[in-house]
Amino acid sequence: MMSIKEQIKQAIEQLVDPSTQKTLGEQQSIRHLAVDEKDSIVTLIIAIGLTKGPEEKTLSRQLAKLIKIDYKFRGIKLQFEQLPSKEELDTPAKKTTYIAITSGKGGVGKSTVTANLAVALARLGKKVGIIDADIYGPSIPHIFEMKKEGFQLASNNKIYPPKAFDIPVISTEFFLENDQPLMWRGPMLNRMLNHFFNDVEWDENLDFMLIDLPPGTGDVAIDIQKLIPEAHVIVVTTPHPTASHIAVKSGYMAKNLNHHILGVVENMSYYQNPVSHAHEAIFGSGGGELVANALNVDLLATLPIGQPQNNLSHSIFTPTEEIGVAYLGLANKLLKAFK
């Protein structure tokens, strides 16, 4: 017997895209489908031939009827994106895109943003890897709740990176004794970064490599420039004036190193009061916009304060939670930026 998710998927695939006159199944339009039976919500990302027009509205009504009336779900979270053109499909695959995640100071949730963004990109069908370049304070393995189980060696003596959520990850955390600090100087940091890039057996078909940089403007950020001259950068801040002031400096450093700044993510933007449902600005407001304006880039996302309400991980949000949906939106913005 088919699950409710499989039934819904099959029903959606029978619908016709008005802009192409093909079924959604024929053109593989379902980019993401999540069914939350507990909260009675279905989350969808659908690719169609034309967006922002009457065709999108027609299909939106059909999907709402299918989910709410035919399958009796309380709500639907729906997002459309454009199908790639024939020219885009015929274009040879691009090389891996490197995105460095930076912040001016610690404690703004940079690593949590990195991990959840990687998961969101993977949920949208992209192959993603993570280099935890926060050498002194590696936290990506903790966020993913990864265990130290040693490495497998490839035939060329490179190491296969451990995986979490099907995302390969490399971090100094895997090489340290439990809770022992790393006490290295600049040249040793450079050698470790070289190992991460050159002595790890990365999948050559990775679409994106996310690099979790240490906070500030130290040696590692400069070394990344030598290893990846064409890196793209996302600056993470909180709304607090101190965090945003220092984040601007990290953005300026990225510009000085000739990196392309994709935009700014404001983390911990607000807390949604469960009683009044009001957005309470615990850490102030306007920090993300301040950084974006100073760097002349877009404010990509404002992420609220919250804890995942699931058993996946203590830090990874599901695609049906408000923050999980926000990460999917951020991932979609990045995908559009690289089209």
C-alpha atoms as a PDB file:
ATOM      1  CA  MET A   1       0.000   0.000   0.000  1.00  0.00           C
ATOM      2  CA  MET A   2       1.359   3.434  -0.955  1.00  0.00           C
ATOM      3  CA  SER A   3       2.136   5.977   1.761  1.00  0.00           C
ATOM      4  CA  ILE A   4       0.190   9.242   1.827  1.00  0.00           C
ATOM      5  CA  LYS A   5       3.309  11.041   0.525  1.00  0.00           C
ATOM      6  CA  GLU A   6       3.560   8.665  -2.447  1.00  0.00           C
ATOM      7  CA  GLN A   7      -0.163   9.110  -3.156  1.00  0.00           C
ATOM      8  CA  ILE A   8       0.165  12.893  -3.134  1.00  0.00           C
ATOM      9  CA  LYS A   9       3.277  12.757  -5.328  1.00  0.00           C
ATOM     10  CA  GLN A  10       1.491  10.566  -7.854  1.00  0.00           C
ATOM     11  CA  ALA A  11      -1.535  12.882  -7.898  1.00  0.00           C
ATOM     12  CA  ILE A  12       0.617  16.003  -8.345  1.00  0.00           C
ATOM     13  CA  GLU A  13       2.471  14.402 -11.244  1.00  0.00           C
ATOM     14  CA  GLN A  14      -0.831  14.048 -13.111  1.00  0.00           C
ATOM     15  CA  LEU A  15      -1.441  17.815 -13.072  1.00  0.00           C
ATOM     16  CA  VAL A  16      -0.622  19.743 -16.249  1.00  0.00           C
ATOM     17  CA  ASP A  17       1.690  22.773 -16.368  1.00  0.00           C
ATOM     18  CA  PRO A  18      -0.409  25.346 -18.294  1.00  0.00           C
ATOM     19  CA  SER A  19       2.715  27.026 -19.652  1.00  0.00           C
ATOM     20  CA  THR A  20       4.114  23.864 -21.303  1.00  0.00           C
ATOM     21  CA  GLN A  21       1.024  21.634 -21.626  1.00  0.00           C
ATOM     22  CA  LYS A  22       3.050  18.795 -20.119  1.00  0.00           C
ATOM     23  CA  THR A  23       2.270  16.942 -16.910  1.00  0.00           C
ATOM     24  CA  LEU A  24       4.381  17.765 -13.878  1.00  0.00           C
ATOM     25  CA  GLY A  25       5.504  14.150 -13.920  1.00  0.00           C
ATOM     26  CA  GLU A  26       6.695  14.347 -17.526  1.00  0.00           C
ATOM     27  CA  GLN A  27       8.884  17.363 -16.833  1.00  0.00           C
ATOM     28  CA  GLN A  28       9.991  16.211 -13.361  1.00  0.00           C
ATOM     29  CA  SER A  29       8.647  19.371 -11.779  1.00  0.00           C
ATOM     30  CA  ILE A  30       8.586  18.253  -8.141  1.00  0.00           C
ATOM     31  CA  ARG A  31      11.732  19.733  -6.655  1.00  0.00           C
ATOM     32  CA  HIS A  32      10.687  19.154  -3.038  1.00  0.00           C
ATOM     33  CA  LEU A  33       7.761  17.433  -1.305  1.00  0.00           C
ATOM     34  CA  ALA A  34       7.377  17.112   2.467  1.00  0.00           C
ATOM     35  CA  VAL A  35       4.265  15.809   4.205  1.00  0.00           C
ATOM     36  CA  ASP A  36       3.744  16.677   7.870  1.00  0.00           C
ATOM     37  CA  GLU A  37       0.748  14.597   8.952  1.00  0.00           C
ATOM     38  CA  LYS A  38       1.005  15.753  12.580  1.00  0.00           C
ATOM     39  CA  ASP A  39       0.536  19.467  11.735  1.00  0.00           C
ATOM     40  CA  SER A  40      -1.463  18.650   8.586  1.00  0.00           C
ATOM     41  CA  ILE A  41       0.791  20.672   6.247  1.00  0.00           C
ATOM     42  CA  VAL A  42       2.290  19.809   2.847  1.00  0.00           C
ATOM     43  CA  THR A  43       5.385  21.719   1.674  1.00  0.00           C
ATOM     44  CA  LEU A  44       6.069  21.888  -2.063  1.00  0.00           C
ATOM     45  CA  ILE A  45       8.613  23.367  -4.453  1.00  0.00           C
ATOM     46  CA  ILE A  46       7.434  23.024  -8.061  1.00  0.00           C
ATOM     47  CA  ALA A  47       9.340  23.952 -11.237  1.00  0.00           C
ATOM     48  CA  ILE A  48       7.225  25.196 -14.157  1.00  0.00           C
ATOM     49  CA  GLY A  49       7.777  26.739 -17.581  1.00  0.00           C
ATOM     50  CA  LEU A  50       6.627  30.252 -16.680  1.00  0.00           C
ATOM     51  CA  THR A  51       6.433  31.826 -13.227  1.00  0.00           C
ATOM     52  CA  LYS A  52       4.787  35.007 -11.909  1.00  0.00           C
ATOM     53  CA  GLY A  53       1.924  34.825 -14.394  1.00  0.00           C
ATOM     54  CA  PRO A  54      -1.626  33.455 -14.825  1.00  0.00           C
ATOM     55  CA  GLU A  55      -0.241  29.944 -15.439  1.00  0.00           C
ATOM     56  CA  GLU A  56       1.323  29.926 -11.980  1.00  0.00           C
ATOM     57  CA  LYS A  57      -1.935  31.122 -10.385  1.00  0.00           C
ATOM     58  CA  THR A  58      -3.936  28.415 -12.173  1.00  0.00           C
ATOM     59  CA  LEU A  59      -1.600  25.663 -11.033  1.00  0.00           C
ATOM     60  CA  SER A  60      -1.471  27.106  -7.516  1.00  0.00           C
ATOM     61  CA  ARG A  61      -5.269  26.811  -7.243  1.00  0.00           C
ATOM     62  CA  GLN A  62      -5.187  23.230  -8.542  1.00  0.00           C
ATOM     63  CA  LEU A  63      -2.513  22.241  -6.024  1.00  0.00           C
ATOM     64  CA  ALA A  64      -4.386  23.899  -3.143  1.00  0.00           C
ATOM     65  CA  LYS A  65      -7.571  22.018  -4.098  1.00  0.00           C
ATOM     66  CA  LEU A  66      -5.701  18.734  -4.344  1.00  0.00           C
ATOM     67  CA  ILE A  67      -3.976  19.108  -0.965  1.00  0.00           C
ATOM     68  CA  LYS A  68      -6.752  20.750   1.064  1.00  0.00           C
ATOM     69  CA  ILE A  69      -9.914  19.242  -0.435  1.00  0.00           C
ATOM     70  CA  ASP A  70      -8.905  15.912  -1.965  1.00  0.00           C
ATOM     71  CA  TYR A  71      -6.394  14.933   0.742  1.00  0.00           C
ATOM     72  CA  LYS A  72      -7.919  16.929   3.654  1.00  0.00           C
ATOM     73  CA  PHE A  73      -4.704  18.665   4.767  1.00  0.00           C
ATOM     74  CA  ARG A  74      -5.059  21.889   6.743  1.00  0.00           C
ATOM     75  CA  GLY A  75      -2.398  23.878   4.913  1.00  0.00           C
ATOM     76  CA  ILE A  76       0.010  24.013   1.981  1.00  0.00           C
ATOM     77  CA  LYS A  77       3.352  25.823   1.733  1.00  0.00           C
ATOM     78  CA  LEU A  78       3.999  26.302  -1.968  1.00  0.00           C
ATOM     79  CA  GLN A  79       6.903  27.796  -3.874  1.00  0.00           C
ATOM     80  CA  PHE A  80       7.443  27.912  -7.638  1.00  0.00           C
ATOM     81  CA  GLU A  81      10.679  28.083  -9.578  1.00  0.00           C
ATOM     82  CA  GLN A  82      11.399  28.215 -13.304  1.00  0.00           C
ATOM     83  CA  LEU A  83      12.341  25.145 -15.291  1.00  0.00           C
ATOM     84  CA  PRO A  84      15.765  25.407 -16.939  1.00  0.00           C
ATOM     85  CA  SER A  85      15.715  26.345 -20.625  1.00  0.00           C
ATOM     86  CA  LYS A  86      16.894  23.971 -23.348  1.00  0.00           C
ATOM     87  CA  GLU A  87      20.079  26.038 -23.645  1.00  0.00           C
ATOM     88  CA  GLU A  88      20.756  25.612 -19.925  1.00  0.00           C
ATOM     89  CA  LEU A  89      20.130  21.858 -20.136  1.00  0.00           C
ATOM     90  CA  ASP A  90      22.549  21.561 -23.070  1.00  0.00           C
ATOM     91  CA  THR A  91      25.279  23.499 -21.259  1.00  0.00           C
ATOM     92  CA  PRO A  92      28.052  21.260 -19.895  1.00  0.00           C
ATOM     93  CA  ALA A  93      28.152  20.815 -16.121  1.00  0.00           C
ATOM     94  CA  LYS A  94      29.957  23.600 -14.306  1.00  0.00           C
ATOM     95  CA  LYS A  95      32.796  23.060 -11.886  1.00  0.00           C
ATOM     96  CA  THR A  96      32.180  23.096  -8.151  1.00  0.00           C
ATOM     97  CA  THR A  97      31.093  26.481  -6.785  1.00  0.00           C
ATOM     98  CA  TYR A  98      32.826  27.483  -3.543  1.00  0.00           C
ATOM     99  CA  ILE A  99      30.862  29.521  -1.005  1.00  0.00           C
ATOM    100  CA  ALA A 100      32.628  30.765   2.127  1.00  0.00           C
ATOM    101  CA  ILE A 101      30.459  31.570   5.137  1.00  0.00           C
ATOM    102  CA  THR A 102      32.009  34.328   7.256  1.00  0.00           C
ATOM    103  CA  SER A 103      31.192  36.550  10.228  1.00  0.00           C
ATOM    104  CA  GLY A 104      32.903  39.321  12.103  1.00  0.00           C
ATOM    105  CA  LYS A 105      32.576  37.688  15.530  1.00  0.00           C
ATOM    106  CA  GLY A 106      31.782  34.340  17.060  1.00  0.00           C
ATOM    107  CA  GLY A 107      28.422  33.358  18.491  1.00  0.00           C
ATOM    108  CA  VAL A 108      26.271  34.595  15.616  1.00  0.00           C
ATOM    109  CA  GLY A 109      25.351  31.095  14.416  1.00  0.00           C
ATOM    110  CA  LYS A 110      27.627  31.007  11.363  1.00  0.00           C
ATOM    111  CA  SER A 111      28.239  27.259  11.562  1.00  0.00           C
ATOM    112  CA  THR A 112      24.549  26.516  12.120  1.00  0.00           C
ATOM    113  CA  VAL A 113      23.746  28.583   9.024  1.00  0.00           C
ATOM    114  CA  THR A 114      26.416  26.678   7.057  1.00  0.00           C
ATOM    115  CA  ALA A 115      25.067  23.262   8.078  1.00  0.00           C
ATOM    116  CA  ASN A 116      21.397  24.081   7.482  1.00  0.00           C
ATOM    117  CA  LEU A 117      22.127  25.774   4.154  1.00  0.00           C
ATOM    118  CA  ALA A 118      24.038  22.672   3.027  1.00  0.00           C
ATOM    119  CA  VAL A 119      21.110  20.444   4.014  1.00  0.00           C
ATOM    120  CA  ALA A 120      18.653  22.763   2.212  1.00  0.00           C
ATOM    121  CA  LEU A 121      20.731  22.680  -0.991  1.00  0.00           C
ATOM    122  CA  ALA A 122      20.899  18.878  -0.749  1.00  0.00           C
ATOM    123  CA  ARG A 123      17.117  18.709  -0.300  1.00  0.00           C
ATOM    124  CA  LEU A 124      16.812  20.678  -3.533  1.00  0.00           C
ATOM    125  CA  GLY A 125      18.803  18.009  -5.335  1.00  0.00           C
ATOM    126  CA  LYS A 126      22.291  19.537  -5.250  1.00  0.00           C
ATOM    127  CA  LYS A 127      25.484  17.710  -4.317  1.00  0.00           C
ATOM    128  CA  VAL A 128      27.118  19.598  -1.457  1.00  0.00           C
ATOM    129  CA  GLY A 129      30.286  19.252   0.625  1.00  0.00           C
ATOM    130  CA  ILE A 130      31.460  21.149   3.711  1.00  0.00           C
ATOM    131  CA  ILE A 131      34.976  22.164   4.715  1.00  0.00           C
ATOM    132  CA  ASP A 132      34.990  23.167   8.379  1.00  0.00           C
ATOM    133  CA  ALA A 133      37.778  25.752   8.156  1.00  0.00           C
ATOM    134  CA  ASP A 134      37.043  27.117  11.634  1.00  0.00           C
ATOM    135  CA  ILE A 135      40.255  25.405  12.667  1.00  0.00           C
ATOM    136  CA  TYR A 136      40.338  26.512  16.324  1.00  0.00           C
ATOM    137  CA  GLY A 137      36.621  26.141  16.969  1.00  0.00           C
ATOM    138  CA  PRO A 138      35.319  23.364  14.698  1.00  0.00           C
ATOM    139  CA  SER A 139      31.623  22.760  15.311  1.00  0.00           C
ATOM    140  CA  ILE A 140      30.153  21.317  12.101  1.00  0.00           C
ATOM    141  CA  PRO A 141      30.584  17.682  13.295  1.00  0.00           C
ATOM    142  CA  HIS A 142      28.810  18.570  16.563  1.00  0.00           C
ATOM    143  CA  ILE A 143      25.948  20.245  14.704  1.00  0.00           C
ATOM    144  CA  PHE A 144      25.508  17.115  12.593  1.00  0.00           C
ATOM    145  CA  GLU A 145      26.076  14.898  15.676  1.00  0.00           C
ATOM    146  CA  MET A 146      28.813  12.975  13.861  1.00  0.00           C
ATOM    147  CA  LYS A 147      30.926  10.375  15.658  1.00  0.00           C
ATOM    148  CA  LYS A 148      34.668   9.975  15.233  1.00  0.00           C
ATOM    149  CA  GLU A 149      34.949   6.652  13.442  1.00  0.00           C
ATOM    150  CA  GLY A 150      38.232   7.037  11.569  1.00  0.00           C
ATOM    151  CA  PHE A 151      38.706   7.391   7.822  1.00  0.00           C
ATOM    152  CA  GLN A 152      38.559   5.088   4.851  1.00  0.00           C
ATOM    153  CA  LEU A 153      41.407   5.441   2.363  1.00  0.00           C
ATOM    154  CA  ALA A 154      40.986   5.695  -1.400  1.00  0.00           C
ATOM    155  CA  SER A 155      43.327   3.834  -3.740  1.00  0.00           C
ATOM    156  CA  ASN A 156      45.343   7.045  -4.189  1.00  0.00           C
ATOM    157  CA  ASN A 157      45.817   7.275  -0.371  1.00  0.00           C
ATOM    158  CA  LYS A 158      43.455  10.215  -0.076  1.00  0.00           C
ATOM    159  CA  ILE A 159      40.829   9.981   2.675  1.00  0.00           C
ATOM    160  CA  TYR A 160      37.118   9.685   2.082  1.00  0.00           C
ATOM    161  CA  PRO A 161      35.309  12.400   4.074  1.00  0.00           C
ATOM    162  CA  PRO A 162      32.677  11.188   6.576  1.00  0.00           C
ATOM    163  CA  LYS A 163      29.091  11.997   5.658  1.00  0.00           C
ATOM    164  CA  ALA A 164      26.066  13.369   7.497  1.00  0.00           C
ATOM    165  CA  PHE A 165      22.703  13.826   5.753  1.00  0.00           C
ATOM    166  CA  ASP A 166      24.594  12.451   2.714  1.00  0.00           C
ATOM    167  CA  ILE A 167      26.855  15.539   2.851  1.00  0.00           C
ATOM    168  CA  PRO A 168      30.637  14.884   2.966  1.00  0.00           C
ATOM    169  CA  VAL A 169      32.334  16.841   5.768  1.00  0.00           C
ATOM    170  CA  ILE A 170      35.970  17.409   6.727  1.00  0.00           C
ATOM    171  CA  SER A 171      36.991  19.119   9.965  1.00  0.00           C
ATOM    172  CA  THR A 172      39.911  19.353  12.374  1.00  0.00           C
ATOM    173  CA  GLU A 173      37.492  17.933  14.952  1.00  0.00           C
ATOM    174  CA  PHE A 174      38.047  14.505  13.386  1.00  0.00           C
ATOM    175  CA  PHE A 175      41.790  14.739  14.094  1.00  0.00           C
ATOM    176  CA  LEU A 176      41.692  15.964  17.711  1.00  0.00           C
ATOM    177  CA  GLU A 177      41.548  14.101  20.983  1.00  0.00           C
ATOM    178  CA  ASN A 178      38.280  14.709  22.792  1.00  0.00           C
ATOM    179  CA  ASP A 179      37.972  18.304  24.091  1.00  0.00           C
ATOM    180  CA  GLN A 180      41.657  19.061  23.470  1.00  0.00           C
ATOM    181  CA  PRO A 181      42.438  22.580  22.176  1.00  0.00           C
ATOM    182  CA  LEU A 182      44.335  23.188  18.958  1.00  0.00           C
ATOM    183  CA  MET A 183      47.517  25.203  19.538  1.00  0.00           C
ATOM    184  CA  TRP A 184      48.947  25.882  16.086  1.00  0.00           C
ATOM    185  CA  ARG A 185      50.591  28.848  14.411  1.00  0.00           C
ATOM    186  CA  GLY A 186      49.866  30.209  10.940  1.00  0.00           C
ATOM    187  CA  PRO A 187      52.028  27.871   8.796  1.00  0.00           C
ATOM    188  CA  MET A 188      50.453  24.769  10.375  1.00  0.00           C
ATOM    189  CA  LEU A 189      46.963  26.137   9.706  1.00  0.00           C
ATOM    190  CA  ASN A 190      47.898  26.615   6.074  1.00  0.00           C
ATOM    191  CA  ARG A 191      49.107  23.018   5.822  1.00  0.00           C
ATOM    192  CA  MET A 192      45.874  21.708   7.350  1.00  0.00           C
ATOM    193  CA  LEU A 193      43.778  23.705   4.871  1.00  0.00           C
ATOM    194  CA  ASN A 194      45.883  22.307   2.036  1.00  0.00           C
ATOM    195  CA  HIS A 195      45.151  18.801   3.325  1.00  0.00           C
ATOM    196  CA  PHE A 196      41.430  19.559   3.390  1.00  0.00           C
ATOM    197  CA  PHE A 197      41.468  20.661  -0.234  1.00  0.00           C
ATOM    198  CA  ASN A 198      44.057  18.355  -1.761  1.00  0.00           C
ATOM    199  CA  ASP A 199      44.266  15.178   0.346  1.00  0.00           C
ATOM    200  CA  VAL A 200      40.558  14.449   0.644  1.00  0.00           C
ATOM    201  CA  GLU A 201      38.762  12.383  -2.005  1.00  0.00           C
ATOM    202  CA  TRP A 202      35.971  14.808  -2.814  1.00  0.00           C
ATOM    203  CA  ASP A 203      33.262  13.860  -5.289  1.00  0.00           C
ATOM    204  CA  GLU A 204      34.252  15.559  -8.553  1.00  0.00           C
ATOM    205  CA  ASN A 205      30.547  16.167  -9.288  1.00  0.00           C
ATOM    206  CA  LEU A 206      29.917  18.373  -6.252  1.00  0.00           C
ATOM    207  CA  ASP A 207      27.750  21.350  -7.158  1.00  0.00           C
ATOM    208  CA  PHE A 208      28.683  23.386  -4.086  1.00  0.00           C
ATOM    209  CA  MET A 209      31.420  23.352  -1.474  1.00  0.00           C
ATOM    210  CA  LEU A 210      30.526  25.379   1.613  1.00  0.00           C
ATOM    211  CA  ILE A 211      33.468  26.602   3.692  1.00  0.00           C
ATOM    212  CA  ASP A 212      32.772  27.487   7.316  1.00  0.00           C
ATOM    213  CA  LEU A 213      35.373  30.177   8.014  1.00  0.00           C
ATOM    214  CA  PRO A 214      36.516  31.167  11.500  1.00  0.00           C
ATOM    215  CA  PRO A 215      35.143  34.497  12.744  1.00  0.00           C
ATOM    216  CA  GLY A 216      37.215  37.601  12.129  1.00  0.00           C
ATOM    217  CA  THR A 217      39.837  38.480   9.543  1.00  0.00           C
ATOM    218  CA  GLY A 218      42.787  36.218  10.371  1.00  0.00           C
ATOM    219  CA  ASP A 219      45.170  33.879   8.560  1.00  0.00           C
ATOM    220  CA  VAL A 220      42.592  31.314   7.441  1.00  0.00           C
ATOM    221  CA  ALA A 221      40.527  33.811   5.435  1.00  0.00           C
ATOM    222  CA  ILE A 222      43.698  34.974   3.676  1.00  0.00           C
ATOM    223  CA  ASP A 223      44.804  31.387   2.964  1.00  0.00           C
ATOM    224  CA  ILE A 224      41.398  30.591   1.458  1.00  0.00           C
ATOM    225  CA  GLN A 225      42.076  33.309  -1.131  1.00  0.00           C
ATOM    226  CA  LYS A 226      45.202  31.430  -2.270  1.00  0.00           C
ATOM    227  CA  LEU A 227      43.380  28.094  -2.457  1.00  0.00           C
ATOM    228  CA  ILE A 228      40.184  29.421  -4.077  1.00  0.00           C
ATOM    229  CA  PRO A 229      40.741  32.744  -5.843  1.00  0.00           C
ATOM    230  CA  GLU A 230      37.130  32.757  -7.107  1.00  0.00           C
ATOM    231  CA  ALA A 231      35.237  32.057  -3.880  1.00  0.00           C
ATOM    232  CA  HIS A 232      31.820  33.547  -3.195  1.00  0.00           C
ATOM    233  CA  VAL A 233      30.995  34.821   0.295  1.00  0.00           C
ATOM    234  CA  ILE A 234      27.955  35.003   2.555  1.00  0.00           C
ATOM    235  CA  VAL A 235      28.285  37.300   5.582  1.00  0.00           C
ATOM    236  CA  VAL A 236      26.387  36.219   8.712  1.00  0.00           C
ATOM    237  CA  THR A 237      25.439  38.683  11.442  1.00  0.00           C
ATOM    238  CA  THR A 238      22.833  39.174  14.141  1.00  0.00           C
ATOM    239  CA  PRO A 239      20.698  42.310  14.501  1.00  0.00           C
ATOM    240  CA  HIS A 240      22.913  43.512  17.378  1.00  0.00           C
ATOM    241  CA  PRO A 241      24.948  46.657  16.539  1.00  0.00           C
ATOM    242  CA  THR A 242      28.243  45.162  17.745  1.00  0.00           C
ATOM    243  CA  ALA A 243      27.875  42.048  15.609  1.00  0.00           C
ATOM    244  CA  SER A 244      26.849  44.028  12.536  1.00  0.00           C
ATOM    245  CA  HIS A 245      29.683  46.554  12.964  1.00  0.00           C
ATOM    246  CA  ILE A 246      32.308  43.782  12.989  1.00  0.00           C
ATOM    247  CA  ALA A 247      30.549  41.853  10.206  1.00  0.00           C
ATOM    248  CA  VAL A 248      31.053  44.816   7.904  1.00  0.00           C
ATOM    249  CA  LYS A 249      34.819  44.482   8.461  1.00  0.00           C
ATOM    250  CA  SER A 250      34.787  40.816   7.439  1.00  0.00           C
ATOM    251  CA  GLY A 251      32.833  41.800   4.338  1.00  0.00           C
ATOM    252  CA  TYR A 252      35.342  44.485   3.436  1.00  0.00           C
ATOM    253  CA  MET A 253      38.144  41.958   3.848  1.00  0.00           C
ATOM    254  CA  ALA A 254      36.376  39.590   1.457  1.00  0.00           C
ATOM    255  CA  LYS A 255      36.096  42.422  -1.062  1.00  0.00           C
ATOM    256  CA  ASN A 256      39.773  43.276  -0.639  1.00  0.00           C
ATOM    257  CA  LEU A 257      40.600  39.641  -1.422  1.00  0.00           C
ATOM    258  CA  ASN A 258      38.500  39.957  -4.617  1.00  0.00           C
ATOM    259  CA  HIS A 259      35.834  37.526  -3.461  1.00  0.00           C
ATOM    260  CA  HIS A 260      32.274  38.027  -4.660  1.00  0.00           C
ATOM    261  CA  ILE A 261      29.876  38.730  -1.781  1.00  0.00           C
ATOM    262  CA  LEU A 262      26.552  37.018  -2.472  1.00  0.00           C
ATOM    263  CA  GLY A 263      24.774  38.815   0.359  1.00  0.00           C
ATOM    264  CA  VAL A 264      24.063  38.954   4.070  1.00  0.00           C
ATOM    265  CA  VAL A 265      22.155  36.582   6.355  1.00  0.00           C
ATOM    266  CA  GLU A 266      20.759  38.053   9.567  1.00  0.00           C
ATOM    267  CA  ASN A 267      20.529  35.225  12.106  1.00  0.00           C
ATOM    268  CA  MET A 268      18.556  35.377  15.385  1.00  0.00           C
ATOM    269  CA  SER A 269      16.485  38.176  13.860  1.00  0.00           C
ATOM    270  CA  TYR A 270      13.527  37.796  16.186  1.00  0.00           C
ATOM    271  CA  TYR A 271      11.732  35.448  18.543  1.00  0.00           C
ATOM    272  CA  GLN A 272       8.151  34.537  17.739  1.00  0.00           C
ATOM    273  CA  ASN A 273       6.234  34.702  21.014  1.00  0.00           C
ATOM    274  CA  PRO A 274       4.194  31.464  21.208  1.00  0.00           C
ATOM    275  CA  VAL A 275       1.400  33.238  23.106  1.00  0.00           C
ATOM    276  CA  SER A 276       0.988  36.532  21.250  1.00  0.00           C
ATOM    277  CA  HIS A 277       2.699  35.369  18.003  1.00  0.00           C
ATOM    278  CA  ALA A 278       4.460  38.743  17.975  1.00  0.00           C
ATOM    279  CA  HIS A 279       7.976  39.027  16.566  1.00  0.00           C
ATOM    280  CA  GLU A 280      10.106  40.137  19.514  1.00  0.00           C
ATOM    281  CA  ALA A 281      13.463  41.702  18.598  1.00  0.00           C
ATOM    282  CA  ILE A 282      15.502  40.303  21.481  1.00  0.00           C
ATOM    283  CA  PHE A 283      18.855  41.338  19.972  1.00  0.00           C
ATOM    284  CA  GLY A 284      17.702  44.610  18.465  1.00  0.00           C
ATOM    285  CA  SER A 285      16.909  45.189  14.821  1.00  0.00           C
ATOM    286  CA  GLY A 286      18.384  46.431  11.579  1.00  0.00           C
ATOM    287  CA  GLY A 287      21.847  44.855  11.833  1.00  0.00           C
ATOM    288  CA  GLY A 288      21.525  42.749   8.700  1.00  0.00           C
ATOM    289  CA  GLU A 289      20.240  45.661   6.654  1.00  0.00           C
ATOM    290  CA  LEU A 290      23.066  47.839   7.974  1.00  0.00           C
ATOM    291  CA  VAL A 291      25.693  45.311   6.841  1.00  0.00           C
ATOM    292  CA  ALA A 292      24.016  44.772   3.462  1.00  0.00           C
ATOM    293  CA  ASN A 293      23.838  48.516   2.800  1.00  0.00           C
ATOM    294  CA  ALA A 294      27.449  49.073   3.849  1.00  0.00           C
ATOM    295  CA  LEU A 295      28.642  46.325   1.500  1.00  0.00           C
ATOM    296  CA  ASN A 296      26.139  47.252  -1.232  1.00  0.00           C
ATOM    297  CA  VAL A 297      24.719  43.715  -1.416  1.00  0.00           C
ATOM    298  CA  ASP A 298      21.353  42.047  -0.763  1.00  0.00           C
ATOM    299  CA  LEU A 299      19.977  40.971   2.595  1.00  0.00           C
ATOM    300  CA  LEU A 300      19.360  37.333   1.634  1.00  0.00           C
ATOM    301  CA  ALA A 301      17.464  36.115   4.701  1.00  0.00           C
ATOM    302  CA  THR A 302      16.321  37.021   8.205  1.00  0.00           C
ATOM    303  CA  LEU A 303      16.246  33.867  10.308  1.00  0.00           C
ATOM    304  CA  PRO A 304      14.294  33.756  13.589  1.00  0.00           C
ATOM    305  CA  ILE A 305      15.499  32.271  16.880  1.00  0.00           C
ATOM    306  CA  GLY A 306      14.327  28.732  17.417  1.00  0.00           C
ATOM    307  CA  GLN A 307      15.169  25.104  18.116  1.00  0.00           C
ATOM    308  CA  PRO A 308      14.349  22.234  15.757  1.00  0.00           C
ATOM    309  CA  GLN A 309      11.204  20.396  16.832  1.00  0.00           C
ATOM    310  CA  ASN A 310      12.300  17.013  15.475  1.00  0.00           C
ATOM    311  CA  ASN A 311      14.602  14.061  16.046  1.00  0.00           C
ATOM    312  CA  LEU A 312      16.892  14.660  13.064  1.00  0.00           C
ATOM    313  CA  SER A 313      19.439  16.658  15.033  1.00  0.00           C
ATOM    314  CA  HIS A 314      19.581  19.273  17.769  1.00  0.00           C
ATOM    315  CA  SER A 315      20.479  21.909  15.147  1.00  0.00           C
ATOM    316  CA  ILE A 316      19.055  20.834  11.764  1.00  0.00           C
ATOM    317  CA  PHE A 317      15.562  22.000  10.847  1.00  0.00           C
ATOM    318  CA  THR A 318      13.070  19.971   8.842  1.00  0.00           C
ATOM    319  CA  PRO A 319      11.653  21.446   5.621  1.00  0.00           C
ATOM    320  CA  THR A 320       8.209  21.783   7.230  1.00  0.00           C
ATOM    321  CA  GLU A 321       9.347  24.025  10.097  1.00  0.00           C
ATOM    322  CA  GLU A 322       9.296  27.802   9.660  1.00  0.00           C
ATOM    323  CA  ILE A 323      13.079  28.092   9.893  1.00  0.00           C
ATOM    324  CA  GLY A 324      13.546  25.052   7.632  1.00  0.00           C
ATOM    325  CA  VAL A 325      11.376  26.704   4.987  1.00  0.00           C
ATOM    326  CA  ALA A 326      13.444  29.894   5.361  1.00  0.00           C
ATOM    327  CA  TYR A 327      16.620  27.898   4.653  1.00  0.00           C
ATOM    328  CA  LEU A 328      15.012  26.395   1.553  1.00  0.00           C
ATOM    329  CA  GLY A 329      14.209  29.934   0.431  1.00  0.00           C
ATOM    330  CA  LEU A 330      17.817  30.985   1.014  1.00  0.00           C
ATOM    331  CA  ALA A 331      19.060  27.967  -0.936  1.00  0.00           C
ATOM    332  CA  ASN A 332      16.726  28.802  -3.807  1.00  0.00           C
ATOM    333  CA  LYS A 333      18.029  32.372  -3.911  1.00  0.00           C
ATOM    334  CA  LEU A 334      21.569  31.047  -4.254  1.00  0.00           C
ATOM    335  CA  LEU A 335      20.584  28.648  -7.021  1.00  0.00           C
ATOM    336  CA  LYS A 336      18.982  31.497  -8.944  1.00  0.00           C
ATOM    337  CA  ALA A 337      22.091  33.637  -8.427  1.00  0.00           C
ATOM    338  CA  PHE A 338      24.228  30.972 -10.135  1.00  0.00           C
ATOM    339  CA  LYS A 339      21.940  30.315 -13.109  1.00  0.00           C
END
